[in-house]
N, C-alpha and C. Protein backbone atom coordinates (compact mmCIF):
# COMPACT_ATOMS: atom_id res chain seq x y z
N MET A 1 -77.02 33.72 66.86
CA MET A 1 -78.26 33.26 67.11
C MET A 1 -79.37 34.27 67.36
N THR A 2 -80.46 34.37 66.67
CA THR A 2 -81.38 35.37 66.84
C THR A 2 -82.84 34.86 67.46
N ILE A 3 -83.66 35.76 67.79
CA ILE A 3 -84.84 35.35 68.27
C ILE A 3 -86.06 36.00 67.38
N LYS A 4 -85.69 36.42 66.25
CA LYS A 4 -86.63 36.91 65.36
C LYS A 4 -87.85 36.04 65.10
N GLY A 5 -87.51 34.74 65.04
CA GLY A 5 -88.67 33.86 64.83
C GLY A 5 -89.63 33.63 65.88
N LEU A 6 -89.38 34.10 67.03
CA LEU A 6 -90.17 33.97 68.21
C LEU A 6 -91.19 35.03 68.32
N PHE A 7 -90.78 36.24 68.08
CA PHE A 7 -91.62 37.42 68.49
C PHE A 7 -92.91 37.45 67.62
N PRO A 8 -92.96 37.26 66.37
CA PRO A 8 -94.12 37.16 65.62
C PRO A 8 -95.03 36.33 66.17
N LEU A 9 -94.67 35.22 66.58
CA LEU A 9 -95.69 34.27 67.33
C LEU A 9 -96.28 34.87 68.67
N ILE A 10 -95.52 35.49 69.34
CA ILE A 10 -96.02 36.27 70.60
C ILE A 10 -97.05 37.25 69.98
N LEU A 11 -96.68 37.91 69.12
CA LEU A 11 -97.48 39.18 68.63
C LEU A 11 -98.77 38.73 67.99
N THR A 12 -98.58 37.55 67.30
CA THR A 12 -99.99 36.93 66.75
C THR A 12 -100.95 36.58 67.67
N ILE A 13 -100.47 36.01 68.92
CA ILE A 13 -101.28 35.73 70.00
C ILE A 13 -102.03 36.93 70.53
N LEU A 14 -101.18 37.93 70.68
CA LEU A 14 -101.65 39.25 71.31
C LEU A 14 -102.62 39.85 70.40
N LEU A 15 -102.46 39.83 69.03
CA LEU A 15 -103.28 40.44 68.23
C LEU A 15 -104.68 39.68 68.09
N SER A 16 -104.53 38.35 68.17
CA SER A 16 -105.63 37.65 68.01
C SER A 16 -106.49 37.67 69.22
N ASN A 17 -106.06 38.06 70.36
CA ASN A 17 -106.74 38.15 71.55
C ASN A 17 -107.21 39.55 71.75
N SER A 18 -106.29 40.55 71.51
CA SER A 18 -106.48 41.90 71.91
C SER A 18 -107.42 42.72 70.85
N THR A 19 -107.45 42.16 69.56
CA THR A 19 -108.30 42.82 68.64
C THR A 19 -109.72 42.79 69.10
N GLY A 20 -110.21 41.67 69.57
CA GLY A 20 -111.62 41.64 69.76
C GLY A 20 -111.97 42.28 71.10
N LEU A 21 -110.98 42.01 71.96
CA LEU A 21 -111.27 42.58 73.42
C LEU A 21 -111.38 44.01 73.65
N VAL A 22 -110.68 44.68 72.71
CA VAL A 22 -110.49 46.17 72.94
C VAL A 22 -111.70 46.88 72.01
N ALA A 23 -112.43 46.01 71.26
CA ALA A 23 -113.49 46.53 70.50
C ALA A 23 -114.65 47.20 71.31
N ALA A 24 -115.18 48.27 71.03
CA ALA A 24 -116.22 48.94 71.84
C ALA A 24 -117.56 48.01 71.75
N ASN A 25 -117.92 47.89 72.96
CA ASN A 25 -119.32 47.25 73.02
C ASN A 25 -120.30 48.18 72.76
N PRO A 26 -121.41 47.81 71.85
CA PRO A 26 -122.40 48.73 71.48
C PRO A 26 -123.25 49.17 72.66
N PRO A 27 -123.64 50.38 72.89
CA PRO A 27 -124.29 50.77 73.88
C PRO A 27 -125.79 50.22 74.00
N LYS A 28 -126.16 49.79 75.15
CA LYS A 28 -127.52 49.29 75.17
C LYS A 28 -128.66 50.32 75.82
N ASN A 29 -129.75 50.20 75.23
CA ASN A 29 -130.89 51.29 75.69
C ASN A 29 -131.48 50.71 77.05
N LEU A 30 -130.88 51.17 78.30
CA LEU A 30 -131.27 50.63 79.45
C LEU A 30 -132.49 51.25 80.01
N VAL A 31 -132.92 52.45 79.50
CA VAL A 31 -133.98 53.07 80.02
C VAL A 31 -135.08 53.08 78.98
N SER A 32 -136.22 52.47 79.23
CA SER A 32 -137.49 52.50 78.30
C SER A 32 -138.18 53.84 78.41
N PRO A 33 -138.50 54.46 77.25
CA PRO A 33 -139.24 55.67 77.23
C PRO A 33 -140.53 55.49 78.15
N THR A 34 -140.97 56.55 78.70
CA THR A 34 -142.22 56.59 79.48
C THR A 34 -142.95 57.84 79.14
N LYS A 35 -144.15 57.71 79.53
CA LYS A 35 -144.98 58.96 79.31
C LYS A 35 -144.78 59.98 80.19
N PRO A 36 -144.91 61.31 79.87
CA PRO A 36 -144.70 62.42 80.88
C PRO A 36 -145.56 62.15 82.26
N LYS A 37 -144.90 62.23 83.40
CA LYS A 37 -145.63 62.31 84.60
C LYS A 37 -146.19 60.95 84.92
N ALA A 38 -145.94 59.79 84.21
CA ALA A 38 -146.50 58.65 84.47
C ALA A 38 -145.52 57.93 85.56
N ALA A 39 -146.23 57.24 86.42
CA ALA A 39 -145.49 56.58 87.50
C ALA A 39 -144.66 55.55 86.80
N SER A 40 -143.42 55.42 87.32
CA SER A 40 -142.43 54.42 86.70
C SER A 40 -142.28 53.28 87.79
N THR A 41 -142.46 52.14 87.11
CA THR A 41 -142.17 50.94 88.07
C THR A 41 -140.79 50.32 87.88
N HIS A 42 -140.02 50.91 87.06
CA HIS A 42 -138.82 50.55 86.88
C HIS A 42 -137.74 50.73 88.07
N LYS A 43 -136.90 49.98 88.27
CA LYS A 43 -135.83 50.35 89.30
C LYS A 43 -135.00 51.28 88.70
N PRO A 44 -134.38 52.22 89.58
CA PRO A 44 -133.45 53.23 89.05
C PRO A 44 -132.30 52.52 88.37
N VAL A 45 -131.82 53.20 87.07
CA VAL A 45 -130.71 52.57 86.56
C VAL A 45 -129.36 52.98 87.12
N THR A 46 -128.51 52.04 87.47
CA THR A 46 -127.35 52.21 88.14
C THR A 46 -126.17 52.28 87.18
N GLN A 47 -125.18 53.01 87.32
CA GLN A 47 -123.88 52.97 86.64
C GLN A 47 -123.24 51.56 86.56
N PRO A 48 -122.60 51.23 85.51
CA PRO A 48 -121.78 49.99 85.67
C PRO A 48 -120.74 50.20 86.70
N LEU A 49 -120.46 49.07 87.57
CA LEU A 49 -119.48 49.25 88.45
C LEU A 49 -118.05 49.22 87.92
N GLN A 50 -117.21 49.96 88.73
CA GLN A 50 -115.83 50.04 88.30
C GLN A 50 -115.20 48.75 88.60
N PRO A 51 -114.15 48.25 87.83
CA PRO A 51 -113.60 47.12 88.18
C PRO A 51 -112.78 47.19 89.47
N LYS A 52 -112.82 45.96 90.11
CA LYS A 52 -112.12 45.94 91.46
C LYS A 52 -110.66 45.28 91.13
N TRP A 53 -109.76 46.24 91.30
CA TRP A 53 -108.28 45.85 90.93
C TRP A 53 -107.89 44.97 92.10
N LYS A 54 -107.14 43.91 91.88
CA LYS A 54 -106.57 43.06 92.70
C LYS A 54 -105.21 42.47 92.49
N LEU A 55 -104.47 42.20 93.45
CA LEU A 55 -103.03 41.74 93.07
C LEU A 55 -103.00 40.42 92.58
N PHE A 56 -102.48 40.29 91.35
CA PHE A 56 -102.45 38.87 90.73
C PHE A 56 -100.96 38.38 90.87
N THR A 57 -100.75 37.19 91.34
CA THR A 57 -99.55 36.61 91.47
C THR A 57 -99.52 35.44 90.43
N ALA A 58 -98.43 35.47 89.65
CA ALA A 58 -98.32 34.42 88.39
C ALA A 58 -98.31 33.04 89.10
N PRO A 59 -98.89 31.92 88.46
CA PRO A 59 -98.85 30.61 88.97
C PRO A 59 -97.50 30.21 89.42
N ASP A 60 -96.35 30.59 88.75
CA ASP A 60 -95.06 30.02 89.20
C ASP A 60 -94.56 31.12 90.15
N GLY A 61 -95.18 32.20 90.55
CA GLY A 61 -94.69 33.02 91.47
C GLY A 61 -93.77 33.97 91.06
N ARG A 62 -93.46 34.17 89.86
CA ARG A 62 -92.35 34.83 89.20
C ARG A 62 -92.68 36.31 89.07
N PHE A 63 -93.84 36.69 89.06
CA PHE A 63 -94.33 38.09 88.98
C PHE A 63 -95.61 38.56 89.68
N THR A 64 -95.69 39.70 89.99
CA THR A 64 -97.03 40.15 90.59
C THR A 64 -97.54 41.37 89.82
N ILE A 65 -98.65 41.65 89.72
CA ILE A 65 -99.31 42.93 89.03
C ILE A 65 -100.74 43.03 89.44
N LEU A 66 -101.17 44.25 89.49
CA LEU A 66 -102.52 44.67 89.84
C LEU A 66 -103.32 44.36 88.49
N MET A 67 -104.52 43.60 88.60
CA MET A 67 -105.20 43.25 87.41
C MET A 67 -106.77 43.62 87.74
N PRO A 68 -107.65 44.17 86.69
CA PRO A 68 -109.04 44.32 86.94
C PRO A 68 -109.70 43.04 87.00
N GLY A 69 -109.66 42.27 87.94
CA GLY A 69 -110.28 40.89 87.95
C GLY A 69 -109.16 39.85 87.78
N VAL A 70 -109.72 38.56 87.71
CA VAL A 70 -108.88 37.55 87.52
C VAL A 70 -108.61 37.47 85.96
N PRO A 71 -107.29 37.51 85.41
CA PRO A 71 -107.04 37.45 83.92
C PRO A 71 -107.32 35.94 83.47
N ILE A 72 -107.58 35.98 82.15
CA ILE A 72 -107.76 34.69 81.51
C ILE A 72 -106.37 34.26 80.87
N ARG A 73 -106.06 33.05 81.21
CA ARG A 73 -104.66 32.47 80.84
C ARG A 73 -104.76 31.72 79.48
N ASN A 74 -103.76 32.01 78.61
CA ASN A 74 -103.52 31.34 77.43
C ASN A 74 -102.28 30.71 77.40
N THR A 75 -101.95 29.35 77.20
CA THR A 75 -100.73 28.82 77.10
C THR A 75 -100.45 28.15 75.73
N GLN A 76 -99.27 28.35 75.01
CA GLN A 76 -99.17 27.90 73.91
C GLN A 76 -97.69 27.43 73.61
N ALA A 77 -97.46 26.38 73.08
CA ALA A 77 -96.14 26.03 72.85
C ALA A 77 -95.73 26.08 71.37
N GLN A 78 -94.68 26.68 71.09
CA GLN A 78 -94.26 27.02 69.77
C GLN A 78 -92.83 26.42 69.48
N LYS A 79 -92.73 25.80 68.19
CA LYS A 79 -91.38 25.34 68.00
C LYS A 79 -90.46 26.39 67.35
N THR A 80 -89.35 26.59 67.72
CA THR A 80 -88.34 27.42 67.12
C THR A 80 -86.94 26.83 66.93
N HIS A 81 -86.14 27.61 66.50
CA HIS A 81 -84.70 26.96 66.12
C HIS A 81 -83.97 26.71 67.49
N MET A 82 -84.61 27.31 68.69
CA MET A 82 -83.91 27.19 69.83
C MET A 82 -84.63 25.92 70.67
N GLY A 83 -85.68 25.33 70.05
CA GLY A 83 -86.37 24.28 70.62
C GLY A 83 -87.89 24.81 70.90
N VAL A 84 -88.61 24.08 71.75
CA VAL A 84 -89.95 24.41 72.09
C VAL A 84 -90.09 25.63 73.02
N ILE A 85 -90.71 26.66 72.81
CA ILE A 85 -90.75 27.77 73.68
C ILE A 85 -92.32 27.88 74.06
N ASN A 86 -92.58 27.93 75.36
CA ASN A 86 -93.82 28.12 75.87
C ASN A 86 -94.23 29.44 76.16
N LEU A 87 -95.26 30.04 75.53
CA LEU A 87 -95.66 31.34 75.77
C LEU A 87 -96.77 31.31 76.64
N GLN A 88 -96.79 32.24 77.60
CA GLN A 88 -97.66 32.31 78.72
C GLN A 88 -98.38 33.70 78.50
N LEU A 89 -99.65 33.80 78.42
CA LEU A 89 -100.43 35.00 78.09
C LEU A 89 -101.54 35.19 79.18
N PHE A 90 -101.69 36.29 79.98
CA PHE A 90 -102.76 36.69 80.77
C PHE A 90 -103.32 37.89 80.33
N VAL A 91 -104.56 38.01 80.13
CA VAL A 91 -105.31 39.16 79.81
C VAL A 91 -106.62 39.34 80.51
N ALA A 92 -106.94 40.70 80.76
CA ALA A 92 -108.06 40.99 81.42
C ALA A 92 -108.71 42.33 80.72
N GLN A 93 -109.98 42.42 80.67
CA GLN A 93 -110.68 43.44 80.04
C GLN A 93 -111.82 43.92 81.07
N PRO A 94 -111.90 45.18 81.60
CA PRO A 94 -112.98 45.66 82.32
C PRO A 94 -114.16 45.66 81.46
N ALA A 95 -115.34 45.49 82.06
CA ALA A 95 -116.59 45.68 81.24
C ALA A 95 -116.76 47.03 80.86
N LYS A 96 -117.32 47.33 79.71
CA LYS A 96 -117.75 48.67 79.20
C LYS A 96 -116.56 49.45 79.03
N GLN A 97 -115.32 49.00 79.07
CA GLN A 97 -113.98 49.90 78.74
C GLN A 97 -113.43 49.41 77.55
N GLU A 98 -112.89 50.36 76.65
CA GLU A 98 -112.14 49.93 75.42
C GLU A 98 -110.66 49.80 75.83
N VAL A 99 -110.50 48.70 76.40
CA VAL A 99 -108.90 48.58 76.92
C VAL A 99 -108.72 47.11 77.34
N ALA A 100 -107.62 46.66 76.98
CA ALA A 100 -107.33 45.24 77.48
C ALA A 100 -105.95 45.29 78.06
N TYR A 101 -105.74 44.63 79.25
CA TYR A 101 -104.60 44.48 80.08
C TYR A 101 -103.81 43.26 79.82
N LEU A 102 -102.62 43.28 79.46
CA LEU A 102 -102.04 41.91 79.26
C LEU A 102 -100.54 41.74 79.73
N VAL A 103 -100.37 40.55 80.00
CA VAL A 103 -98.90 40.27 80.42
C VAL A 103 -98.50 38.97 79.67
N VAL A 104 -97.50 39.01 78.90
CA VAL A 104 -97.02 37.89 78.16
C VAL A 104 -95.69 37.52 78.46
N TYR A 105 -95.29 36.25 78.85
CA TYR A 105 -93.73 35.98 78.88
C TYR A 105 -93.41 34.74 78.30
N ASN A 106 -92.16 34.55 78.16
CA ASN A 106 -91.50 33.52 77.49
C ASN A 106 -90.17 33.12 78.29
N ASP A 107 -89.78 31.93 78.45
CA ASP A 107 -88.48 31.55 78.92
C ASP A 107 -87.68 31.05 77.77
N PHE A 108 -86.53 31.59 77.78
CA PHE A 108 -85.50 31.19 76.70
C PHE A 108 -84.69 29.92 77.29
N PRO A 109 -84.08 29.00 76.42
CA PRO A 109 -83.20 28.03 76.81
C PRO A 109 -82.03 28.75 77.76
N TYR A 110 -81.74 27.73 78.60
CA TYR A 110 -80.76 28.40 79.69
C TYR A 110 -79.46 28.82 78.96
N SER A 111 -79.01 28.13 77.85
CA SER A 111 -77.69 28.53 77.23
C SER A 111 -77.89 29.69 76.54
N TYR A 112 -79.09 30.09 75.92
CA TYR A 112 -79.36 31.24 75.11
C TYR A 112 -79.37 32.32 76.12
N GLY A 113 -80.12 32.16 77.32
CA GLY A 113 -80.25 33.29 78.22
C GLY A 113 -78.87 33.67 78.83
N GLN A 114 -77.90 32.80 78.89
CA GLN A 114 -76.50 33.21 79.40
C GLN A 114 -75.97 34.08 78.21
N MET A 115 -76.04 33.64 77.07
CA MET A 115 -75.45 34.47 76.00
C MET A 115 -76.01 35.72 75.57
N ALA A 116 -77.38 35.73 75.64
CA ALA A 116 -77.96 36.99 74.92
C ALA A 116 -77.85 38.28 75.63
N ASN A 117 -77.78 39.22 74.81
CA ASN A 117 -77.48 40.61 75.22
C ASN A 117 -78.96 41.19 75.62
N PRO A 118 -79.36 41.41 76.73
CA PRO A 118 -80.62 42.03 77.03
C PRO A 118 -81.19 43.08 76.08
N GLN A 119 -80.25 44.07 75.84
CA GLN A 119 -80.72 45.28 75.00
C GLN A 119 -81.14 44.83 73.57
N ASP A 120 -80.31 43.75 73.16
CA ASP A 120 -80.60 43.29 71.83
C ASP A 120 -82.05 42.67 71.69
N ILE A 121 -82.34 41.98 72.78
CA ILE A 121 -83.75 41.25 72.96
C ILE A 121 -84.69 42.34 73.01
N LEU A 122 -84.49 43.38 73.83
CA LEU A 122 -85.54 44.27 73.98
C LEU A 122 -85.85 45.07 72.60
N ASN A 123 -84.57 45.38 71.95
CA ASN A 123 -84.87 46.14 70.83
C ASN A 123 -85.44 45.21 69.62
N GLN A 124 -85.26 44.09 69.66
CA GLN A 124 -85.85 43.26 68.60
C GLN A 124 -87.33 43.11 69.10
N ALA A 125 -87.72 43.11 70.14
CA ALA A 125 -89.00 43.01 70.71
C ALA A 125 -89.87 44.27 70.27
N ARG A 126 -89.19 45.49 70.34
CA ARG A 126 -89.82 46.77 69.99
C ARG A 126 -89.93 46.64 68.35
N ASP A 127 -88.84 46.49 67.53
CA ASP A 127 -88.95 46.57 66.26
C ASP A 127 -90.01 45.62 65.68
N LEU A 128 -90.11 44.35 66.16
CA LEU A 128 -90.95 43.40 65.59
C LEU A 128 -92.46 43.77 66.00
N ALA A 129 -92.61 44.25 67.21
CA ALA A 129 -93.96 44.87 67.61
C ALA A 129 -94.41 45.93 66.62
N LEU A 130 -93.56 46.91 66.28
CA LEU A 130 -93.97 47.98 65.44
C LEU A 130 -94.37 47.31 64.02
N LYS A 131 -93.39 46.44 63.51
CA LYS A 131 -93.69 45.82 62.18
C LYS A 131 -94.87 44.94 62.09
N THR A 132 -94.93 44.03 63.01
CA THR A 132 -96.01 43.06 63.04
C THR A 132 -97.34 43.79 63.16
N THR A 133 -97.58 44.84 63.98
CA THR A 133 -98.80 45.41 64.18
C THR A 133 -99.05 46.76 63.30
N LYS A 134 -97.92 46.82 62.25
CA LYS A 134 -97.86 48.06 61.49
C LYS A 134 -98.28 49.46 62.19
N SER A 135 -97.40 49.56 63.29
CA SER A 135 -97.74 50.77 64.07
C SER A 135 -96.59 51.70 63.92
N ASN A 136 -97.04 52.75 64.40
CA ASN A 136 -95.92 54.10 64.48
C ASN A 136 -95.56 54.26 65.93
N LEU A 137 -94.33 54.50 66.13
CA LEU A 137 -93.74 54.64 67.41
C LEU A 137 -94.18 56.05 68.01
N ILE A 138 -94.62 56.17 69.10
CA ILE A 138 -95.06 57.60 69.80
C ILE A 138 -93.77 57.97 70.60
N SER A 139 -93.33 56.90 71.49
CA SER A 139 -92.27 57.34 72.37
C SER A 139 -91.58 56.08 72.85
N GLN A 140 -90.29 56.15 73.41
CA GLN A 140 -89.62 54.98 74.02
C GLN A 140 -88.58 55.49 74.93
N GLY A 141 -88.14 54.50 75.84
CA GLY A 141 -87.14 54.85 76.81
C GLY A 141 -86.61 53.64 77.52
N ASN A 142 -85.40 53.70 78.00
CA ASN A 142 -84.91 52.57 78.72
C ASN A 142 -85.27 52.73 80.10
N ILE A 143 -85.62 51.55 80.74
CA ILE A 143 -86.05 51.63 82.14
C ILE A 143 -85.45 50.40 82.83
N ARG A 144 -85.59 50.17 84.05
CA ARG A 144 -85.26 49.07 84.84
C ARG A 144 -86.39 48.59 85.91
N SER A 145 -86.37 47.26 86.09
CA SER A 145 -87.42 46.80 87.11
C SER A 145 -86.98 47.28 88.41
N SER A 146 -87.82 47.07 89.50
CA SER A 146 -87.40 47.66 90.85
C SER A 146 -86.32 46.78 91.36
N ASN A 147 -86.02 45.62 90.90
CA ASN A 147 -84.80 44.89 91.31
C ASN A 147 -83.72 44.84 90.21
N GLY A 148 -83.61 45.95 89.41
CA GLY A 148 -82.39 46.19 88.63
C GLY A 148 -82.40 45.57 87.18
N HIS A 149 -83.36 44.78 86.76
CA HIS A 149 -83.17 44.26 85.60
C HIS A 149 -83.58 45.17 84.26
N PRO A 150 -82.91 45.05 83.19
CA PRO A 150 -83.04 45.98 82.09
C PRO A 150 -84.43 45.79 81.42
N GLY A 151 -84.92 47.09 81.03
CA GLY A 151 -86.28 47.00 80.33
C GLY A 151 -86.31 48.14 79.36
N LYS A 152 -87.55 48.28 78.79
CA LYS A 152 -87.77 49.25 77.74
C LYS A 152 -89.23 49.57 77.86
N GLU A 153 -89.61 50.91 77.83
CA GLU A 153 -91.00 51.30 77.76
C GLU A 153 -91.20 51.96 76.51
N ILE A 154 -92.19 51.49 75.61
CA ILE A 154 -92.69 52.00 74.30
C ILE A 154 -94.04 52.26 74.36
N GLU A 155 -94.53 53.14 73.49
CA GLU A 155 -95.83 53.57 73.14
C GLU A 155 -96.01 53.64 71.67
N TYR A 156 -96.98 53.05 71.14
CA TYR A 156 -97.12 53.09 69.61
C TYR A 156 -98.64 52.94 69.33
N ILE A 157 -99.01 53.50 68.22
CA ILE A 157 -100.31 53.38 67.63
C ILE A 157 -100.34 52.79 66.30
N ASN A 158 -101.48 52.01 66.05
CA ASN A 158 -101.70 51.21 64.79
C ASN A 158 -102.62 52.08 63.81
N SER A 159 -102.92 51.65 62.65
CA SER A 159 -103.75 52.36 61.66
C SER A 159 -105.19 52.30 62.10
N ALA A 160 -105.54 51.43 63.00
CA ALA A 160 -106.99 51.45 63.42
C ALA A 160 -107.08 52.35 64.80
N GLY A 161 -106.01 52.99 65.12
CA GLY A 161 -106.12 53.82 66.21
C GLY A 161 -105.99 53.28 67.54
N LYS A 162 -105.77 51.88 67.67
CA LYS A 162 -105.32 51.32 68.91
C LYS A 162 -103.97 51.82 69.50
N ILE A 163 -103.89 52.08 70.74
CA ILE A 163 -102.64 52.58 71.38
C ILE A 163 -102.23 51.65 72.39
N THR A 164 -101.00 51.27 72.10
CA THR A 164 -100.49 50.29 73.11
C THR A 164 -99.20 50.90 73.85
N LYS A 165 -99.41 50.85 75.05
CA LYS A 165 -98.34 51.26 76.02
C LYS A 165 -97.68 49.99 76.72
N ALA A 166 -96.36 49.83 76.53
CA ALA A 166 -95.83 48.57 76.91
C ALA A 166 -94.62 48.62 77.74
N ARG A 167 -94.33 47.79 78.66
CA ARG A 167 -92.99 47.83 79.37
C ARG A 167 -92.39 46.31 79.12
N MET A 168 -91.29 46.32 78.76
CA MET A 168 -90.62 44.93 78.67
C MET A 168 -89.44 44.89 79.38
N TYR A 169 -89.34 43.61 80.09
CA TYR A 169 -87.97 43.31 80.90
C TYR A 169 -87.51 42.03 80.58
N PHE A 170 -86.15 41.99 80.65
CA PHE A 170 -85.52 40.75 80.55
C PHE A 170 -84.86 40.35 81.73
N ALA A 171 -85.26 39.29 82.50
CA ALA A 171 -84.87 38.81 83.72
C ALA A 171 -84.70 37.38 83.99
N GLN A 172 -83.44 36.92 84.39
CA GLN A 172 -83.17 35.48 84.58
C GLN A 172 -83.65 34.46 83.31
N GLY A 173 -83.49 34.93 82.26
CA GLY A 173 -83.58 34.24 81.01
C GLY A 173 -85.05 34.32 80.48
N ARG A 174 -85.85 35.31 80.95
CA ARG A 174 -87.19 35.34 80.75
C ARG A 174 -87.56 36.72 80.27
N LEU A 175 -88.35 36.78 79.10
CA LEU A 175 -88.66 38.13 78.54
C LEU A 175 -90.22 38.38 78.99
N TYR A 176 -90.48 39.42 79.77
CA TYR A 176 -91.79 39.83 80.10
C TYR A 176 -92.16 41.14 79.40
N GLN A 177 -93.53 41.02 78.93
CA GLN A 177 -94.19 42.08 78.11
C GLN A 177 -95.38 42.43 78.79
N VAL A 178 -95.54 43.55 79.26
CA VAL A 178 -96.64 44.21 80.08
C VAL A 178 -97.16 45.27 79.39
N MET A 179 -98.62 45.01 79.04
CA MET A 179 -99.10 45.93 77.97
C MET A 179 -100.54 46.38 78.41
N ALA A 180 -100.97 47.62 77.83
CA ALA A 180 -102.31 48.11 77.97
C ALA A 180 -102.61 48.46 76.53
N VAL A 181 -103.62 47.80 75.91
CA VAL A 181 -104.08 48.18 74.60
C VAL A 181 -105.43 48.89 74.71
N SER A 182 -105.43 50.21 74.17
CA SER A 182 -106.75 51.07 74.44
C SER A 182 -107.08 51.56 73.14
N SER A 183 -108.43 52.15 73.08
CA SER A 183 -108.70 52.75 71.81
C SER A 183 -108.29 54.39 72.11
N LYS A 184 -108.10 54.87 70.99
CA LYS A 184 -107.59 56.42 71.04
C LYS A 184 -108.61 57.22 71.72
N LYS A 185 -109.93 56.85 71.76
CA LYS A 185 -110.92 57.64 72.28
C LYS A 185 -110.83 57.70 73.76
N GLN A 186 -110.48 56.55 74.41
CA GLN A 186 -110.31 56.39 75.95
C GLN A 186 -108.94 56.36 76.45
N HIS A 187 -108.07 56.53 75.61
CA HIS A 187 -106.52 56.55 76.05
C HIS A 187 -106.28 57.71 77.00
N LYS A 188 -106.72 58.78 76.92
CA LYS A 188 -106.41 59.92 77.67
C LYS A 188 -107.19 59.75 79.07
N THR A 189 -108.27 59.28 78.93
CA THR A 189 -109.13 59.14 80.15
C THR A 189 -108.59 57.94 81.01
N LEU A 190 -108.08 56.98 80.48
CA LEU A 190 -107.52 55.92 81.08
C LEU A 190 -105.97 55.91 81.47
N ALA A 191 -105.43 57.18 81.18
CA ALA A 191 -103.95 57.21 81.26
C ALA A 191 -103.38 57.02 82.63
N LYS A 192 -104.03 57.52 83.79
CA LYS A 192 -103.53 57.29 85.10
C LYS A 192 -103.80 55.78 85.55
N THR A 193 -104.89 55.26 85.10
CA THR A 193 -105.11 53.86 85.44
C THR A 193 -104.04 53.10 84.69
N ILE A 194 -103.67 53.27 83.33
CA ILE A 194 -102.61 52.51 82.75
C ILE A 194 -101.45 52.77 83.32
N ALA A 195 -101.03 53.85 83.66
CA ALA A 195 -99.84 54.00 84.54
C ALA A 195 -99.68 53.28 85.82
N GLY A 196 -100.69 53.32 86.49
CA GLY A 196 -100.77 52.45 87.65
C GLY A 196 -100.62 51.03 87.55
N TYR A 197 -101.25 50.51 86.37
CA TYR A 197 -101.25 49.19 86.11
C TYR A 197 -99.68 48.80 85.68
N LEU A 198 -99.01 49.55 84.90
CA LEU A 198 -97.67 49.23 84.66
C LEU A 198 -96.71 49.45 85.63
N ASN A 199 -96.95 50.43 86.60
CA ASN A 199 -96.12 50.53 87.67
C ASN A 199 -96.20 49.53 88.72
N SER A 200 -97.31 48.79 88.69
CA SER A 200 -97.58 47.74 89.79
C SER A 200 -96.89 46.38 89.38
N PHE A 201 -96.33 46.26 88.26
CA PHE A 201 -95.74 45.07 87.81
C PHE A 201 -94.30 44.91 88.53
N GLN A 202 -94.21 43.78 89.07
CA GLN A 202 -92.93 43.31 89.81
C GLN A 202 -92.38 42.09 89.50
N VAL A 203 -91.09 42.01 89.11
CA VAL A 203 -90.49 40.61 88.81
C VAL A 203 -90.12 40.24 90.12
N VAL A 204 -90.38 38.72 90.47
CA VAL A 204 -89.97 38.16 91.65
C VAL A 204 -88.98 37.24 91.31
N LEU A 205 -87.69 37.55 91.81
CA LEU A 205 -86.50 36.77 91.43
C LEU A 205 -86.65 35.30 91.79
N LYS A 206 -86.14 34.44 91.08
CA LYS A 206 -86.17 33.12 91.42
C LYS A 206 -84.84 32.84 92.06
N THR A 207 -84.89 32.32 93.30
CA THR A 207 -83.46 32.16 94.01
C THR A 207 -82.75 30.89 93.22
N GLY A 208 -81.46 30.97 93.33
CA GLY A 208 -80.69 29.82 92.63
C GLY A 208 -80.43 30.06 91.24
N ASN A 209 -81.07 31.01 90.52
CA ASN A 209 -80.65 31.26 89.16
C ASN A 209 -80.02 32.57 89.00
N ILE A 210 -79.44 32.95 87.97
CA ILE A 210 -78.86 34.14 87.87
C ILE A 210 -79.98 35.13 87.46
């Protein structure tokens, strides 16, 4: 049994949401030109406020993560050979920044979750992410969640220059994908923020399940 039919559906949702989200907003001319030495009645122009990062807890309580505001949720049911799979997507984008922060997860049927090899699932997720987004892999490595579940960290860039840094975990029959998609221009300046975002993700184990 494979899960190849599922990942393109996840990635299609991610692409349809993140493509517009990470597009740069055109700058606005906030200061009107004035004559030299003329008294100005305009209020001083202030810099855009930095996003307020808050701890977000999933509606079902199964994960927590720091988000720049309340993320937008998108739920979509997809038919697969395993049955109906519900995809849950949470996305947030700070104003005036060329970055989108996403968490997407899906639960597998119980029988499949019992039989599946976690590394196979993670490797398929990596390969299909690269193929579907037509991206080149920059780096990868095996990781584990704070409570010991297997994971993988990857970073890749597509032809448009969008860089995605993602961490994926397989825990209790659920695949989590935690991503930050940024422009190449802002990737370096946002590196510490993205790292903090990814580090803040915590899987909350559901008692009574494996």
